[in-house]
C-alpha atoms as a PDB file:
ATOM      1  CA  UNK A   1      15.677  -5.326 -13.633  1.00  0.00           C
ATOM      2  CA  UNK A   2      17.026  -7.730 -16.235  1.00  0.00           C
ATOM      3  CA  UNK A   3      17.304  -6.678 -19.809  1.00  0.00           C
ATOM      4  CA  UNK A   4      16.810  -9.167 -22.533  1.00  0.00           C
ATOM      5  CA  UNK A   5      18.768  -9.257 -25.626  1.00  0.00           C
ATOM      6  CA  UNK A   6      16.871 -10.058 -28.803  1.00  0.00           C
ATOM      7  CA  UNK A   7      18.868 -12.238 -31.054  1.00  0.00           C
ATOM      8  CA  UNK A   8      18.237 -11.762 -34.737  1.00  0.00           C
ATOM      9  CA  UNK A   9      18.032 -14.997 -36.635  1.00  0.00           C
ATOM     10  CA  UNK A  10      18.595 -14.613 -40.409  1.00  0.00           C
ATOM     11  CA  UNK A  11      15.642 -15.818 -42.480  1.00  0.00           C
ATOM     12  CA  UNK A  12      17.795 -18.499 -44.072  1.00  0.00           C
ATOM     13  CA  UNK A  13      18.360 -20.111 -40.690  1.00  0.00           C
ATOM     14  CA  UNK A  14      14.664 -19.790 -39.853  1.00  0.00           C
ATOM     15  CA  UNK A  15      13.761 -21.647 -43.035  1.00  0.00           C
ATOM     16  CA  UNK A  16      16.326 -24.328 -42.362  1.00  0.00           C
ATOM     17  CA  UNK A  17      15.092 -24.716 -38.778  1.00  0.00           C
ATOM     18  CA  UNK A  18      11.442 -24.983 -40.006  1.00  0.00           C
ATOM     19  CA  UNK A  19      12.423 -27.451 -42.669  1.00  0.00           C
ATOM     20  CA  UNK A  20      14.260 -29.630 -40.123  1.00  0.00           C
ATOM     21  CA  UNK A  21      11.192 -29.560 -37.852  1.00  0.00           C
ATOM     22  CA  UNK A  22       8.768 -30.323 -40.742  1.00  0.00           C
ATOM     23  CA  UNK A  23      11.038 -33.279 -41.864  1.00  0.00           C
ATOM     24  CA  UNK A  24      11.078 -34.603 -38.244  1.00  0.00           C
ATOM     25  CA  UNK A  25       7.271 -34.377 -37.922  1.00  0.00           C
ATOM     26  CA  UNK A  26       6.808 -35.956 -41.368  1.00  0.00           C
ATOM     27  CA  UNK A  27       9.037 -38.874 -40.354  1.00  0.00           C
ATOM     28  CA  UNK A  28       7.042 -39.237 -37.089  1.00  0.00           C
ATOM     29  CA  UNK A  29       3.658 -39.281 -38.784  1.00  0.00           C
ATOM     30  CA  UNK A  30       4.847 -41.604 -41.562  1.00  0.00           C
ATOM     31  CA  UNK A  31       5.797 -44.111 -38.896  1.00  0.00           C
ATOM     32  CA  UNK A  32       2.491 -43.633 -37.148  1.00  0.00           C
ATOM     33  CA  UNK A  33       0.562 -44.127 -40.356  1.00  0.00           C
ATOM     34  CA  UNK A  34       2.561 -47.214 -41.237  1.00  0.00           C
ATOM     35  CA  UNK A  35       1.922 -48.658 -37.800  1.00  0.00           C
ATOM     36  CA  UNK A  36      -1.782 -47.910 -38.096  1.00  0.00           C
ATOM     37  CA  UNK A  37      -1.907 -49.585 -41.526  1.00  0.00           C
ATOM     38  CA  UNK A  38      -0.199 -52.702 -40.156  1.00  0.00           C
ATOM     39  CA  UNK A  39      -2.943 -52.907 -37.531  1.00  0.00           C
ATOM     40  CA  UNK A  40      -5.633 -52.614 -40.221  1.00  0.00           C
ATOM     41  CA  UNK A  41      -3.904 -55.174 -42.453  1.00  0.00           C
ATOM     42  CA  UNK A  42      -3.672 -57.660 -39.579  1.00  0.00           C
ATOM     43  CA  UNK A  43      -7.391 -57.411 -38.965  1.00  0.00           C
ATOM     44  CA  UNK A  44      -8.045 -57.681 -42.698  1.00  0.00           C
ATOM     45  CA  UNK A  45      -5.933 -60.861 -42.919  1.00  0.00           C
ATOM     46  CA  UNK A  46      -7.993 -62.512 -40.242  1.00  0.00           C
ATOM     47  CA  UNK A  47     -10.381 -65.232 -41.453  1.00  0.00           C
ATOM     48  CA  UNK A  48     -13.401 -63.159 -40.421  1.00  0.00           C
ATOM     49  CA  UNK A  49     -13.435 -59.461 -41.195  1.00  0.00           C
ATOM     50  CA  UNK A  50     -14.225 -57.164 -38.300  1.00  0.00           C
ATOM     51  CA  UNK A  51     -17.416 -55.180 -38.301  1.00  0.00           C
ATOM     52  CA  UNK A  52     -17.416 -52.197 -40.661  1.00  0.00           C
ATOM     53  CA  UNK A  53     -17.955 -49.666 -37.876  1.00  0.00           C
ATOM     54  CA  UNK A  54     -14.824 -51.003 -36.126  1.00  0.00           C
ATOM     55  CA  UNK A  55     -12.848 -50.899 -39.400  1.00  0.00           C
ATOM     56  CA  UNK A  56     -13.990 -47.348 -40.106  1.00  0.00           C
ATOM     57  CA  UNK A  57     -12.637 -46.141 -36.796  1.00  0.00           C
ATOM     58  CA  UNK A  58      -9.195 -47.605 -37.630  1.00  0.00           C
ATOM     59  CA  UNK A  59      -9.366 -46.189 -41.162  1.00  0.00           C
ATOM     60  CA  UNK A  60     -10.248 -42.731 -39.951  1.00  0.00           C
ATOM     61  CA  UNK A  61      -7.209 -42.843 -37.664  1.00  0.00           C
ATOM     62  CA  UNK A  62      -5.037 -44.036 -40.624  1.00  0.00           C
ATOM     63  CA  UNK A  63      -6.349 -41.235 -42.814  1.00  0.00           C
ATOM     64  CA  UNK A  64      -5.662 -38.663 -40.098  1.00  0.00           C
ATOM     65  CA  UNK A  65      -2.066 -39.794 -39.740  1.00  0.00           C
ATOM     66  CA  UNK A  66      -1.612 -39.757 -43.553  1.00  0.00           C
ATOM     67  CA  UNK A  67      -3.106 -36.236 -43.818  1.00  0.00           C
ATOM     68  CA  UNK A  68      -0.819 -34.881 -41.150  1.00  0.00           C
ATOM     69  CA  UNK A  69       2.227 -36.632 -42.706  1.00  0.00           C
ATOM     70  CA  UNK A  70       1.381 -35.191 -46.055  1.00  0.00           C
ATOM     71  CA  UNK A  71       0.924 -31.675 -44.584  1.00  0.00           C
ATOM     72  CA  UNK A  72       4.438 -31.847 -43.017  1.00  0.00           C
ATOM     73  CA  UNK A  73       5.936 -33.384 -46.145  1.00  0.00           C
ATOM     74  CA  UNK A  74       4.608 -30.497 -48.259  1.00  0.00           C
ATOM     75  CA  UNK A  75       5.857 -27.981 -45.749  1.00  0.00           C
ATOM     76  CA  UNK A  76       9.343 -29.596 -45.781  1.00  0.00           C
ATOM     77  CA  UNK A  77       9.377 -29.398 -49.568  1.00  0.00           C
ATOM     78  CA  UNK A  78       7.869 -26.037 -50.257  1.00  0.00           C
ATOM     79  CA  UNK A  79       9.046 -24.207 -47.038  1.00  0.00           C
ATOM     80  CA  UNK A  80       6.359 -21.546 -47.723  1.00  0.00           C
ATOM     81  CA  UNK A  81       8.032 -20.713 -50.872  1.00  0.00           C
ATOM     82  CA  UNK A  82       5.850 -19.903 -53.883  1.00  0.00           C
ATOM     83  CA  UNK A  83       8.670 -19.580 -56.469  1.00  0.00           C
ATOM     84  CA  UNK A  84      10.235 -22.504 -58.252  1.00  0.00           C
ATOM     85  CA  UNK A  85      11.923 -24.963 -56.047  1.00  0.00           C
ATOM     86  CA  UNK A  86      15.573 -25.633 -56.848  1.00  0.00           C
ATOM     87  CA  UNK A  87      16.630 -29.332 -56.716  1.00  0.00           C
ATOM     88  CA  UNK A  88      19.446 -30.439 -54.386  1.00  0.00           C
ATOM     89  CA  UNK A  89      21.656 -31.286 -57.401  1.00  0.00           C
ATOM     90  CA  UNK A  90      21.767 -27.608 -58.327  1.00  0.00           C
ATOM     91  CA  UNK A  91      21.893 -26.077 -54.852  1.00  0.00           C
ATOM     92  CA  UNK A  92      23.549 -28.262 -52.180  1.00  0.00           C
ATOM     93  CA  UNK A  93      22.658 -25.756 -49.381  1.00  0.00           C
ATOM     94  CA  UNK A  94      18.976 -24.996 -49.969  1.00  0.00           C
ATOM     95  CA  UNK A  95      17.929 -27.464 -52.601  1.00  0.00           C
ATOM     96  CA  UNK A  96      15.134 -29.997 -52.214  1.00  0.00           C
ATOM     97  CA  UNK A  97      15.761 -33.701 -52.657  1.00  0.00           C
ATOM     98  CA  UNK A  98      13.837 -35.303 -55.452  1.00  0.00           C
ATOM     99  CA  UNK A  99      12.965 -38.088 -52.999  1.00  0.00           C
ATOM    100  CA  UNK A 100      11.081 -35.633 -50.842  1.00  0.00           C
ATOM    101  CA  UNK A 101       8.977 -34.448 -53.733  1.00  0.00           C
ATOM    102  CA  UNK A 102       8.362 -38.083 -54.621  1.00  0.00           C
ATOM    103  CA  UNK A 103       7.232 -38.882 -51.047  1.00  0.00           C
ATOM    104  CA  UNK A 104       4.610 -36.071 -51.303  1.00  0.00           C
ATOM    105  CA  UNK A 105       3.148 -37.716 -54.415  1.00  0.00           C
ATOM    106  CA  UNK A 106       3.318 -41.152 -52.749  1.00  0.00           C
ATOM    107  CA  UNK A 107       1.355 -39.835 -49.795  1.00  0.00           C
ATOM    108  CA  UNK A 108      -1.304 -38.380 -52.078  1.00  0.00           C
ATOM    109  CA  UNK A 109      -1.724 -41.782 -53.715  1.00  0.00           C
ATOM    110  CA  UNK A 110      -2.037 -43.523 -50.317  1.00  0.00           C
ATOM    111  CA  UNK A 111      -4.639 -40.971 -49.131  1.00  0.00           C
ATOM    112  CA  UNK A 112      -6.606 -41.474 -52.389  1.00  0.00           C
ATOM    113  CA  UNK A 113      -6.709 -45.260 -51.908  1.00  0.00           C
ATOM    114  CA  UNK A 114      -7.609 -45.036 -48.222  1.00  0.00           C
ATOM    115  CA  UNK A 115     -10.347 -42.529 -48.960  1.00  0.00           C
ATOM    116  CA  UNK A 116     -11.833 -44.852 -51.582  1.00  0.00           C
ATOM    117  CA  UNK A 117     -11.978 -47.624 -49.015  1.00  0.00           C
ATOM    118  CA  UNK A 118     -13.596 -45.381 -46.390  1.00  0.00           C
ATOM    119  CA  UNK A 119     -16.169 -44.035 -48.805  1.00  0.00           C
ATOM    120  CA  UNK A 120     -17.047 -47.553 -50.009  1.00  0.00           C
ATOM    121  CA  UNK A 121     -17.608 -48.678 -46.392  1.00  0.00           C
ATOM    122  CA  UNK A 122     -19.577 -45.559 -45.488  1.00  0.00           C
ATOM    123  CA  UNK A 123     -21.871 -45.865 -48.430  1.00  0.00           C
ATOM    124  CA  UNK A 124     -22.333 -49.556 -47.783  1.00  0.00           C
ATOM    125  CA  UNK A 125     -23.440 -48.737 -44.189  1.00  0.00           C
ATOM    126  CA  UNK A 126     -25.881 -46.154 -45.483  1.00  0.00           C
ATOM    127  CA  UNK A 127     -27.424 -48.509 -47.936  1.00  0.00           C
ATOM    128  CA  UNK A 128     -27.851 -51.125 -45.188  1.00  0.00           C
ATOM    129  CA  UNK A 129     -29.525 -48.686 -42.839  1.00  0.00           C
ATOM    130  CA  UNK A 130     -31.811 -47.576 -45.691  1.00  0.00           C
ATOM    131  CA  UNK A 131     -32.649 -51.162 -46.429  1.00  0.00           C
ATOM    132  CA  UNK A 132     -33.607 -51.767 -42.794  1.00  0.00           C
ATOM    133  CA  UNK A 133     -35.981 -48.763 -42.833  1.00  0.00           C
ATOM    134  CA  UNK A 134     -37.642 -49.748 -46.116  1.00  0.00           C
ATOM    135  CA  UNK A 135     -37.862 -53.577 -45.727  1.00  0.00           C
ATOM    136  CA  UNK A 136     -41.557 -53.739 -46.778  1.00  0.00           C
ATOM    137  CA  UNK A 137     -41.387 -51.702 -49.901  1.00  0.00           C
ATOM    138  CA  UNK A 138     -41.374 -54.099 -52.917  1.00  0.00           C
ATOM    139  CA  UNK A 139     -39.638 -51.837 -55.405  1.00  0.00           C
ATOM    140  CA  UNK A 140     -37.012 -50.890 -52.869  1.00  0.00           C
ATOM    141  CA  UNK A 141     -36.540 -54.525 -51.935  1.00  0.00           C
ATOM    142  CA  UNK A 142     -35.924 -55.470 -55.540  1.00  0.00           C
ATOM    143  CA  UNK A 143     -33.346 -52.682 -56.047  1.00  0.00           C
ATOM    144  CA  UNK A 144     -31.635 -53.567 -52.792  1.00  0.00           C
ATOM    145  CA  UNK A 145     -31.357 -57.243 -53.737  1.00  0.00           C
ATOM    146  CA  UNK A 146     -29.489 -56.121 -56.876  1.00  0.00           C
ATOM    147  CA  UNK A 147     -27.231 -53.970 -54.718  1.00  0.00           C
ATOM    148  CA  UNK A 148     -26.635 -56.994 -52.410  1.00  0.00           C
ATOM    149  CA  UNK A 149     -25.360 -58.914 -55.384  1.00  0.00           C
ATOM    150  CA  UNK A 150     -22.767 -56.174 -55.988  1.00  0.00           C
ATOM    151  CA  UNK A 151     -21.799 -56.079 -52.285  1.00  0.00           C
ATOM    152  CA  UNK A 152     -20.899 -59.760 -52.309  1.00  0.00           C
ATOM    153  CA  UNK A 153     -17.625 -58.716 -53.856  1.00  0.00           C
ATOM    154  CA  UNK A 154     -17.022 -56.015 -51.227  1.00  0.00           C
ATOM    155  CA  UNK A 155     -14.815 -58.161 -49.071  1.00  0.00           C
ATOM    156  CA  UNK A 156     -12.635 -59.131 -52.115  1.00  0.00           C
ATOM    157  CA  UNK A 157     -12.473 -55.456 -53.150  1.00  0.00           C
ATOM    158  CA  UNK A 158     -11.389 -54.323 -49.650  1.00  0.00           C
ATOM    159  CA  UNK A 159      -8.669 -56.978 -49.519  1.00  0.00           C
ATOM    160  CA  UNK A 160      -7.538 -56.000 -53.013  1.00  0.00           C
ATOM    161  CA  UNK A 161      -7.214 -52.337 -51.986  1.00  0.00           C
ATOM    162  CA  UNK A 162      -5.484 -53.264 -48.701  1.00  0.00           C
ATOM    163  CA  UNK A 163      -3.020 -55.343 -50.623  1.00  0.00           C
ATOM    164  CA  UNK A 164      -2.313 -52.465 -53.013  1.00  0.00           C
ATOM    165  CA  UNK A 165      -1.737 -50.131 -50.073  1.00  0.00           C
ATOM    166  CA  UNK A 166       0.592 -52.676 -48.521  1.00  0.00           C
ATOM    167  CA  UNK A 167       2.548 -52.949 -51.823  1.00  0.00           C
ATOM    168  CA  UNK A 168       2.848 -49.173 -51.949  1.00  0.00           C
ATOM    169  CA  UNK A 169       4.068 -49.093 -48.396  1.00  0.00           C
ATOM    170  CA  UNK A 170       6.882 -51.520 -49.279  1.00  0.00           C
ATOM    171  CA  UNK A 171       7.970 -49.076 -51.986  1.00  0.00           C
ATOM    172  CA  UNK A 172       7.375 -46.101 -49.746  1.00  0.00           C
ATOM    173  CA  UNK A 173       9.462 -47.646 -46.974  1.00  0.00           C
ATOM    174  CA  UNK A 174      12.351 -48.078 -49.260  1.00  0.00           C
ATOM    175  CA  UNK A 175      11.949 -44.427 -50.468  1.00  0.00           C
ATOM    176  CA  UNK A 176      11.666 -43.306 -46.840  1.00  0.00           C
ATOM    177  CA  UNK A 177      14.822 -45.213 -45.847  1.00  0.00           C
ATOM    178  CA  UNK A 178      16.770 -43.647 -48.730  1.00  0.00           C
ATOM    179  CA  UNK A 179      15.391 -40.191 -47.718  1.00  0.00           C
ATOM    180  CA  UNK A 180      16.504 -40.619 -44.117  1.00  0.00           C
ATOM    181  CA  UNK A 181      20.004 -41.691 -45.159  1.00  0.00           C
ATOM    182  CA  UNK A 182      20.329 -38.629 -47.475  1.00  0.00           C
ATOM    183  CA  UNK A 183      19.054 -36.310 -44.851  1.00  0.00           C
ATOM    184  CA  UNK A 184      21.666 -37.492 -42.416  1.00  0.00           C
ATOM    185  CA  UNK A 185      24.329 -36.341 -44.903  1.00  0.00           C
ATOM    186  CA  UNK A 186      22.856 -32.875 -45.418  1.00  0.00           C
END
């Protein structure tokens, strides 16, 4: 009968191992979200926009990747600590890079913009389905014609938000590059 030896790993090494794993997963999902956004941007730049239901599927996937990336980014920064986080400049062994905290905020901003676009498209679909059900009602028809006037700018709004997300990704990619370089030195 074989006996197993239980190796005790100090909590400091466990935290560091978890932090390394969380950073690795954050990096992976950042790349996935960036790739997914490039797919969305390519379809948005086409002369004819794809159907909203097709765009929503792509946007849901994009949001899922951003949410997972943000989860791992927060875990890498906070490491299940509830006390004040010490910056890397003060503690070179356990400190948190300021760029990592900035990346968490950046991801929150991206998620907020993507959710706005998704909500806008979902509500637009609901209004259109309601309009089809109540085509013959005169009052509803009058209200829906006013809503249709507002929706004429929808395509322009979506392109505007997509362009903003793209600009943020350019900044985020620079931040992410700096972060990867700094992590290689840690």
